[in-house]
């Protein structure tokens, strides 16, 4: 990975500055595209993934964190980075099948009690994600 580079460098074209009346989220995403990858924290990754920005670059960073701590609380609640990551579009994961398999394996090793405590809908989203990679065993 090019951890010293920014998404604007890696995922052209560079984005223009957001309009003055842009929402906080729009301004934040534009700002994050100018941050070196190594400086993106879990909350930044959750934001970028949720907004489907430069997924080939940010999904590997998120998976690396989730392998270490699958239920990481990035910003809002335990498992929020996980939910954003497994909810990424199928097309993004088609480019990263090996990472998808690694994340599926980590998720399958989670105790049922840990997953049961996650917010409603997360368990179903994890199951849908795992099913996509079932044939790659």
N, C-alpha and C. Protein backbone atom coordinates (compact mmCIF):
# COMPACT_ATOMS: atom_id res chain seq x y z
N UNK A 1 0.84 -1.19 0.00
CA UNK A 1 0.00 0.00 0.00
C UNK A 1 0.88 1.25 0.00
N UNK A 2 0.32 2.29 -0.46
CA UNK A 2 1.00 3.58 -0.53
C UNK A 2 0.53 4.44 0.65
N UNK A 3 0.96 4.10 1.83
CA UNK A 3 0.42 4.72 3.03
C UNK A 3 0.79 6.19 3.20
N UNK A 4 1.79 6.65 2.49
CA UNK A 4 2.17 8.06 2.59
C UNK A 4 1.43 8.92 1.56
N UNK A 5 0.64 8.29 0.73
CA UNK A 5 -0.10 9.02 -0.30
C UNK A 5 -1.54 9.24 0.13
N UNK A 6 -2.21 10.16 -0.53
CA UNK A 6 -3.61 10.48 -0.22
C UNK A 6 -4.54 9.84 -1.24
N UNK A 7 -5.81 9.82 -0.91
CA UNK A 7 -6.79 9.31 -1.86
C UNK A 7 -6.86 10.19 -3.10
N UNK A 8 -6.68 11.49 -2.93
CA UNK A 8 -6.67 12.36 -4.11
C UNK A 8 -5.54 11.97 -5.06
N UNK A 9 -4.42 11.50 -4.53
CA UNK A 9 -3.30 11.06 -5.37
C UNK A 9 -3.56 9.69 -5.98
N UNK A 10 -4.13 8.80 -5.20
CA UNK A 10 -4.31 7.41 -5.62
C UNK A 10 -5.57 7.16 -6.41
N UNK A 11 -6.58 7.98 -6.22
CA UNK A 11 -7.90 7.76 -6.80
C UNK A 11 -8.32 9.01 -7.59
N UNK A 12 -7.65 9.25 -8.74
CA UNK A 12 -7.95 10.48 -9.48
C UNK A 12 -9.37 10.45 -10.06
N UNK A 13 -9.87 11.60 -10.38
CA UNK A 13 -9.22 12.91 -10.32
C UNK A 13 -9.29 13.49 -8.92
N UNK A 14 -8.40 14.43 -8.65
CA UNK A 14 -8.44 15.14 -7.37
C UNK A 14 -9.78 15.84 -7.26
N UNK A 15 -10.31 15.83 -6.06
CA UNK A 15 -11.58 16.51 -5.86
C UNK A 15 -11.33 18.00 -5.61
N UNK A 16 -12.22 18.81 -6.16
CA UNK A 16 -12.16 20.25 -5.88
C UNK A 16 -12.60 20.49 -4.45
N UNK A 17 -12.31 21.66 -3.94
CA UNK A 17 -12.79 22.02 -2.60
C UNK A 17 -14.31 22.00 -2.60
N UNK A 18 -14.91 21.58 -1.50
CA UNK A 18 -16.38 21.54 -1.46
C UNK A 18 -16.97 22.95 -1.50
N UNK A 19 -18.19 23.03 -1.95
CA UNK A 19 -18.90 24.32 -1.98
C UNK A 19 -19.04 24.87 -0.57
N UNK A 20 -19.11 26.16 -0.46
CA UNK A 20 -19.18 26.82 0.85
C UNK A 20 -20.39 26.38 1.65
N UNK A 21 -21.47 26.04 0.98
CA UNK A 21 -22.69 25.66 1.69
C UNK A 21 -22.84 24.14 1.84
N UNK A 22 -21.75 23.40 1.65
CA UNK A 22 -21.79 21.94 1.77
C UNK A 22 -22.06 21.51 3.21
N UNK A 23 -22.60 20.33 3.34
CA UNK A 23 -22.85 19.78 4.67
C UNK A 23 -21.53 19.43 5.35
N UNK A 24 -21.61 19.21 6.64
CA UNK A 24 -20.42 18.80 7.40
C UNK A 24 -19.86 17.50 6.83
N UNK A 25 -20.72 16.55 6.50
CA UNK A 25 -20.27 15.27 5.97
C UNK A 25 -19.52 15.45 4.65
N UNK A 26 -20.05 16.25 3.76
CA UNK A 26 -19.39 16.48 2.47
C UNK A 26 -18.02 17.13 2.69
N UNK A 27 -17.97 18.12 3.56
CA UNK A 27 -16.68 18.77 3.84
C UNK A 27 -15.69 17.77 4.44
N UNK A 28 -16.18 16.91 5.34
CA UNK A 28 -15.32 15.91 5.99
C UNK A 28 -14.74 14.93 4.96
N UNK A 29 -15.58 14.43 4.08
CA UNK A 29 -15.11 13.47 3.07
C UNK A 29 -14.08 14.12 2.15
N UNK A 30 -14.33 15.34 1.73
CA UNK A 30 -13.36 16.05 0.90
C UNK A 30 -12.03 16.20 1.65
N UNK A 31 -12.12 16.55 2.92
CA UNK A 31 -10.92 16.71 3.74
C UNK A 31 -10.15 15.39 3.86
N UNK A 32 -10.88 14.29 4.07
CA UNK A 32 -10.23 12.99 4.25
C UNK A 32 -9.50 12.53 2.99
N UNK A 33 -9.94 12.97 1.84
CA UNK A 33 -9.25 12.59 0.61
C UNK A 33 -7.86 13.22 0.51
N UNK A 34 -7.59 14.21 1.33
CA UNK A 34 -6.29 14.89 1.31
C UNK A 34 -5.38 14.46 2.46
N UNK A 35 -5.80 13.44 3.20
CA UNK A 35 -5.03 12.94 4.35
C UNK A 35 -4.26 11.69 3.90
N UNK A 36 -2.97 11.58 4.26
CA UNK A 36 -2.24 10.34 3.93
C UNK A 36 -2.95 9.12 4.52
N UNK A 37 -2.94 8.04 3.78
CA UNK A 37 -3.65 6.83 4.22
C UNK A 37 -3.25 6.42 5.64
N UNK A 38 -1.98 6.52 5.97
CA UNK A 38 -1.53 6.08 7.29
C UNK A 38 -2.13 6.91 8.42
N UNK A 39 -2.61 8.10 8.11
CA UNK A 39 -3.17 8.98 9.14
C UNK A 39 -4.68 8.81 9.30
N UNK A 40 -5.31 7.99 8.47
CA UNK A 40 -6.75 7.77 8.59
C UNK A 40 -7.03 6.90 9.81
N UNK A 41 -7.90 7.36 10.68
CA UNK A 41 -8.24 6.57 11.87
C UNK A 41 -9.51 5.75 11.59
N UNK A 42 -9.90 4.87 12.51
CA UNK A 42 -11.08 4.03 12.27
C UNK A 42 -12.35 4.82 11.93
N UNK A 43 -12.56 5.95 12.59
CA UNK A 43 -13.75 6.76 12.29
C UNK A 43 -13.68 7.31 10.87
N UNK A 44 -12.49 7.71 10.44
CA UNK A 44 -12.32 8.20 9.07
C UNK A 44 -12.63 7.09 8.06
N UNK A 45 -12.13 5.90 8.34
CA UNK A 45 -12.38 4.78 7.44
C UNK A 45 -13.86 4.46 7.39
N UNK A 46 -14.53 4.48 8.55
CA UNK A 46 -15.97 4.22 8.57
C UNK A 46 -16.71 5.24 7.72
N UNK A 47 -16.32 6.50 7.83
CA UNK A 47 -16.96 7.55 7.04
C UNK A 47 -16.75 7.33 5.55
N UNK A 48 -15.52 7.09 5.15
CA UNK A 48 -15.22 6.89 3.73
C UNK A 48 -15.92 5.67 3.17
N UNK A 49 -15.92 4.58 3.92
CA UNK A 49 -16.58 3.36 3.44
C UNK A 49 -18.08 3.58 3.36
N UNK A 50 -18.66 4.19 4.36
CA UNK A 50 -20.10 4.44 4.35
C UNK A 50 -20.52 5.32 3.17
N UNK A 51 -19.63 6.22 2.77
CA UNK A 51 -19.91 7.11 1.64
C UNK A 51 -19.41 6.53 0.31
N UNK A 52 -18.87 5.30 0.36
CA UNK A 52 -18.40 4.57 -0.81
C UNK A 52 -17.34 5.36 -1.60
N UNK A 53 -16.38 5.88 -0.87
CA UNK A 53 -15.30 6.67 -1.45
C UNK A 53 -14.01 5.84 -1.49
N UNK A 54 -13.47 5.69 -2.68
CA UNK A 54 -12.16 5.03 -2.88
C UNK A 54 -12.08 3.68 -2.17
N UNK A 55 -13.09 2.87 -2.32
CA UNK A 55 -13.17 1.60 -1.60
C UNK A 55 -11.98 0.66 -1.85
N UNK A 56 -11.42 0.58 -3.03
CA UNK A 56 -10.25 -0.30 -3.19
C UNK A 56 -9.07 0.07 -2.30
N UNK A 57 -9.03 1.30 -1.84
CA UNK A 57 -7.94 1.74 -0.97
C UNK A 57 -8.30 1.69 0.50
N UNK A 58 -9.55 1.99 0.84
CA UNK A 58 -9.90 2.07 2.26
C UNK A 58 -10.38 0.74 2.83
N UNK A 59 -10.99 -0.12 2.01
CA UNK A 59 -11.41 -1.42 2.54
C UNK A 59 -10.23 -2.24 3.08
N UNK A 60 -9.10 -2.31 2.38
CA UNK A 60 -7.97 -3.07 2.96
C UNK A 60 -7.50 -2.51 4.31
N UNK A 61 -7.55 -1.20 4.47
CA UNK A 61 -7.15 -0.60 5.75
C UNK A 61 -8.13 -0.99 6.85
N UNK A 62 -9.41 -0.99 6.52
CA UNK A 62 -10.43 -1.36 7.51
C UNK A 62 -10.31 -2.84 7.88
N UNK A 63 -10.12 -3.68 6.88
CA UNK A 63 -10.01 -5.12 7.15
C UNK A 63 -8.81 -5.40 8.04
N UNK A 64 -7.72 -4.71 7.81
CA UNK A 64 -6.52 -4.89 8.65
C UNK A 64 -6.86 -4.60 10.12
N UNK A 65 -7.62 -3.56 10.37
CA UNK A 65 -8.04 -3.25 11.75
C UNK A 65 -9.02 -4.28 12.28
N UNK A 66 -9.95 -4.69 11.44
CA UNK A 66 -10.99 -5.62 11.88
C UNK A 66 -10.45 -7.02 12.15
N UNK A 67 -9.39 -7.40 11.48
CA UNK A 67 -8.77 -8.69 11.77
C UNK A 67 -8.24 -8.69 13.20
N UNK A 68 -7.71 -7.57 13.62
CA UNK A 68 -7.20 -7.43 14.99
C UNK A 68 -8.32 -7.26 16.02
N UNK A 69 -9.33 -6.49 15.66
CA UNK A 69 -10.42 -6.17 16.59
C UNK A 69 -11.73 -6.07 15.81
N UNK A 70 -12.39 -7.21 15.57
CA UNK A 70 -13.58 -7.23 14.71
C UNK A 70 -14.71 -6.30 15.15
N UNK A 71 -14.87 -6.11 16.42
CA UNK A 71 -15.99 -5.31 16.91
C UNK A 71 -15.56 -3.90 17.32
N UNK A 72 -14.52 -3.43 16.71
CA UNK A 72 -13.97 -2.10 16.97
C UNK A 72 -15.07 -1.04 16.94
N UNK A 73 -15.07 -0.20 17.94
CA UNK A 73 -15.99 0.95 18.00
C UNK A 73 -15.25 2.12 17.37
N UNK A 74 -15.58 2.43 16.13
CA UNK A 74 -14.87 3.47 15.39
C UNK A 74 -15.37 4.86 15.74
N UNK A 75 -16.65 4.95 16.05
CA UNK A 75 -17.20 6.28 16.27
C UNK A 75 -18.51 6.25 17.05
N UNK A 76 -19.44 5.41 16.64
CA UNK A 76 -20.79 5.45 17.20
C UNK A 76 -21.12 4.31 18.15
N UNK A 77 -20.70 3.10 17.81
CA UNK A 77 -21.03 1.93 18.64
C UNK A 77 -20.11 0.78 18.28
N UNK A 78 -20.04 -0.19 19.18
CA UNK A 78 -19.23 -1.38 18.93
C UNK A 78 -19.70 -2.04 17.64
N UNK A 79 -18.77 -2.26 16.73
CA UNK A 79 -19.07 -2.93 15.47
C UNK A 79 -19.45 -1.98 14.34
N UNK A 80 -19.36 -0.67 14.55
CA UNK A 80 -19.78 0.25 13.48
C UNK A 80 -18.87 0.21 12.26
N UNK A 81 -17.57 0.04 12.47
CA UNK A 81 -16.67 -0.10 11.32
C UNK A 81 -16.94 -1.42 10.60
N UNK A 82 -17.20 -2.45 11.35
CA UNK A 82 -17.54 -3.74 10.77
C UNK A 82 -18.79 -3.64 9.90
N UNK A 83 -19.82 -3.02 10.41
CA UNK A 83 -21.06 -2.89 9.65
C UNK A 83 -20.83 -2.12 8.35
N UNK A 84 -20.11 -1.01 8.43
CA UNK A 84 -19.83 -0.25 7.22
C UNK A 84 -19.06 -1.11 6.22
N UNK A 85 -18.10 -1.86 6.71
CA UNK A 85 -17.23 -2.66 5.84
C UNK A 85 -18.00 -3.79 5.17
N UNK A 86 -18.78 -4.55 5.92
CA UNK A 86 -19.51 -5.66 5.31
C UNK A 86 -20.67 -5.17 4.45
N UNK A 87 -21.06 -3.92 4.62
CA UNK A 87 -22.14 -3.34 3.82
C UNK A 87 -21.65 -2.70 2.52
N UNK A 88 -20.35 -2.68 2.32
CA UNK A 88 -19.80 -2.11 1.08
C UNK A 88 -20.37 -2.88 -0.12
N UNK A 89 -20.52 -2.20 -1.24
CA UNK A 89 -21.11 -2.85 -2.41
C UNK A 89 -20.35 -4.10 -2.86
N UNK A 90 -21.09 -5.04 -3.38
CA UNK A 90 -20.52 -6.30 -3.88
C UNK A 90 -19.42 -6.02 -4.90
N UNK A 91 -19.62 -5.03 -5.74
CA UNK A 91 -18.62 -4.71 -6.78
C UNK A 91 -17.27 -4.34 -6.17
N UNK A 92 -17.28 -3.68 -5.04
CA UNK A 92 -16.01 -3.32 -4.38
C UNK A 92 -15.31 -4.57 -3.89
N UNK A 93 -16.06 -5.50 -3.33
CA UNK A 93 -15.46 -6.74 -2.82
C UNK A 93 -15.00 -7.65 -3.95
N UNK A 94 -15.59 -7.52 -5.13
CA UNK A 94 -15.17 -8.33 -6.27
C UNK A 94 -13.71 -8.06 -6.62
N UNK A 95 -13.25 -6.85 -6.31
CA UNK A 95 -11.85 -6.49 -6.55
C UNK A 95 -10.92 -7.00 -5.45
N UNK A 96 -11.49 -7.42 -4.32
CA UNK A 96 -10.70 -7.80 -3.14
C UNK A 96 -11.16 -9.14 -2.55
N UNK A 97 -11.28 -10.18 -3.37
CA UNK A 97 -11.84 -11.43 -2.85
C UNK A 97 -11.04 -12.05 -1.71
N UNK A 98 -9.72 -11.98 -1.76
CA UNK A 98 -8.90 -12.58 -0.69
C UNK A 98 -9.15 -11.88 0.65
N UNK A 99 -9.28 -10.57 0.61
CA UNK A 99 -9.58 -9.82 1.84
C UNK A 99 -10.96 -10.18 2.36
N UNK A 100 -11.90 -10.35 1.45
CA UNK A 100 -13.25 -10.74 1.86
C UNK A 100 -13.26 -12.08 2.56
N UNK A 101 -12.49 -13.02 2.04
CA UNK A 101 -12.39 -14.34 2.66
C UNK A 101 -11.74 -14.23 4.04
N UNK A 102 -10.70 -13.44 4.15
CA UNK A 102 -10.03 -13.27 5.46
C UNK A 102 -10.99 -12.68 6.48
N UNK A 103 -11.75 -11.67 6.07
CA UNK A 103 -12.70 -11.05 6.98
C UNK A 103 -13.82 -12.03 7.33
N UNK A 104 -14.30 -12.78 6.36
CA UNK A 104 -15.32 -13.78 6.64
C UNK A 104 -14.83 -14.79 7.68
N UNK A 105 -13.58 -15.23 7.54
CA UNK A 105 -13.03 -16.19 8.49
C UNK A 105 -12.98 -15.61 9.91
N UNK A 106 -12.61 -14.34 10.01
CA UNK A 106 -12.57 -13.68 11.32
C UNK A 106 -13.98 -13.60 11.91
N UNK A 107 -14.94 -13.26 11.08
CA UNK A 107 -16.32 -13.12 11.55
C UNK A 107 -16.90 -14.46 11.99
N UNK A 108 -16.57 -15.50 11.27
CA UNK A 108 -17.07 -16.82 11.63
C UNK A 108 -16.49 -17.30 12.95
N UNK A 109 -15.35 -16.79 13.34
CA UNK A 109 -14.72 -17.18 14.60
C UNK A 109 -15.27 -16.39 15.80
N UNK A 110 -16.06 -15.36 15.54
CA UNK A 110 -16.62 -14.57 16.65
C UNK A 110 -17.61 -15.40 17.45
N UNK A 111 -17.59 -15.27 18.76
CA UNK A 111 -18.59 -15.97 19.57
C UNK A 111 -19.98 -15.42 19.26
N UNK A 112 -20.98 -16.30 19.26
CA UNK A 112 -22.36 -15.87 18.98
C UNK A 112 -22.82 -14.79 19.95
N UNK A 113 -22.36 -14.87 21.19
CA UNK A 113 -22.78 -13.87 22.17
C UNK A 113 -22.29 -12.48 21.81
N UNK A 114 -21.11 -12.38 21.21
CA UNK A 114 -20.58 -11.07 20.82
C UNK A 114 -21.41 -10.47 19.69
N UNK A 115 -21.77 -11.29 18.73
CA UNK A 115 -22.55 -10.81 17.59
C UNK A 115 -23.98 -10.50 18.01
N UNK A 116 -24.51 -11.26 18.94
CA UNK A 116 -25.89 -11.05 19.39
C UNK A 116 -26.08 -9.70 20.06
N UNK A 117 -25.03 -9.15 20.62
CA UNK A 117 -25.14 -7.86 21.31
C UNK A 117 -25.03 -6.66 20.38
N UNK A 118 -24.78 -6.90 19.10
CA UNK A 118 -24.66 -5.80 18.15
C UNK A 118 -26.04 -5.24 17.81
N UNK A 119 -26.10 -4.01 17.32
CA UNK A 119 -27.40 -3.41 16.97
C UNK A 119 -28.18 -4.27 15.97
N UNK A 120 -29.47 -4.07 15.98
CA UNK A 120 -30.36 -4.84 15.10
C UNK A 120 -29.94 -4.66 13.64
N UNK A 121 -29.94 -5.73 12.90
CA UNK A 121 -29.60 -5.71 11.49
C UNK A 121 -28.15 -6.04 11.18
N UNK A 122 -27.27 -5.86 12.16
CA UNK A 122 -25.85 -6.12 11.92
C UNK A 122 -25.62 -7.61 11.68
N UNK A 123 -26.26 -8.45 12.47
CA UNK A 123 -26.08 -9.90 12.33
C UNK A 123 -26.48 -10.36 10.93
N UNK A 124 -27.58 -9.84 10.43
CA UNK A 124 -28.04 -10.21 9.10
C UNK A 124 -27.07 -9.74 8.02
N UNK A 125 -26.55 -8.54 8.20
CA UNK A 125 -25.60 -8.00 7.22
C UNK A 125 -24.31 -8.82 7.21
N UNK A 126 -23.86 -9.26 8.39
CA UNK A 126 -22.67 -10.12 8.48
C UNK A 126 -22.94 -11.44 7.76
N UNK A 127 -24.11 -12.01 7.96
CA UNK A 127 -24.46 -13.28 7.32
C UNK A 127 -24.48 -13.13 5.79
N UNK A 128 -25.04 -12.03 5.29
CA UNK A 128 -25.06 -11.80 3.84
C UNK A 128 -23.64 -11.68 3.30
N UNK A 129 -22.80 -10.96 4.04
CA UNK A 129 -21.41 -10.80 3.62
C UNK A 129 -20.71 -12.16 3.57
N UNK A 130 -20.83 -12.94 4.62
CA UNK A 130 -20.17 -14.25 4.68
C UNK A 130 -20.64 -15.16 3.55
N UNK A 131 -21.92 -15.10 3.23
CA UNK A 131 -22.47 -15.95 2.17
C UNK A 131 -21.84 -15.63 0.80
N UNK A 132 -21.48 -14.38 0.58
CA UNK A 132 -20.85 -13.99 -0.70
C UNK A 132 -19.53 -14.70 -0.92
N UNK A 133 -18.86 -15.03 0.17
CA UNK A 133 -17.51 -15.62 0.07
C UNK A 133 -17.50 -17.11 0.39
N UNK A 134 -18.67 -17.68 0.57
CA UNK A 134 -18.77 -19.10 0.91
C UNK A 134 -18.15 -19.99 -0.17
N UNK A 135 -18.34 -19.64 -1.42
CA UNK A 135 -17.83 -20.49 -2.51
C UNK A 135 -16.31 -20.41 -2.65
N UNK A 136 -15.68 -19.49 -1.96
CA UNK A 136 -14.23 -19.32 -2.06
C UNK A 136 -13.47 -20.09 -0.99
N UNK A 137 -14.13 -20.96 -0.31
CA UNK A 137 -13.47 -21.76 0.74
C UNK A 137 -12.42 -22.66 0.16
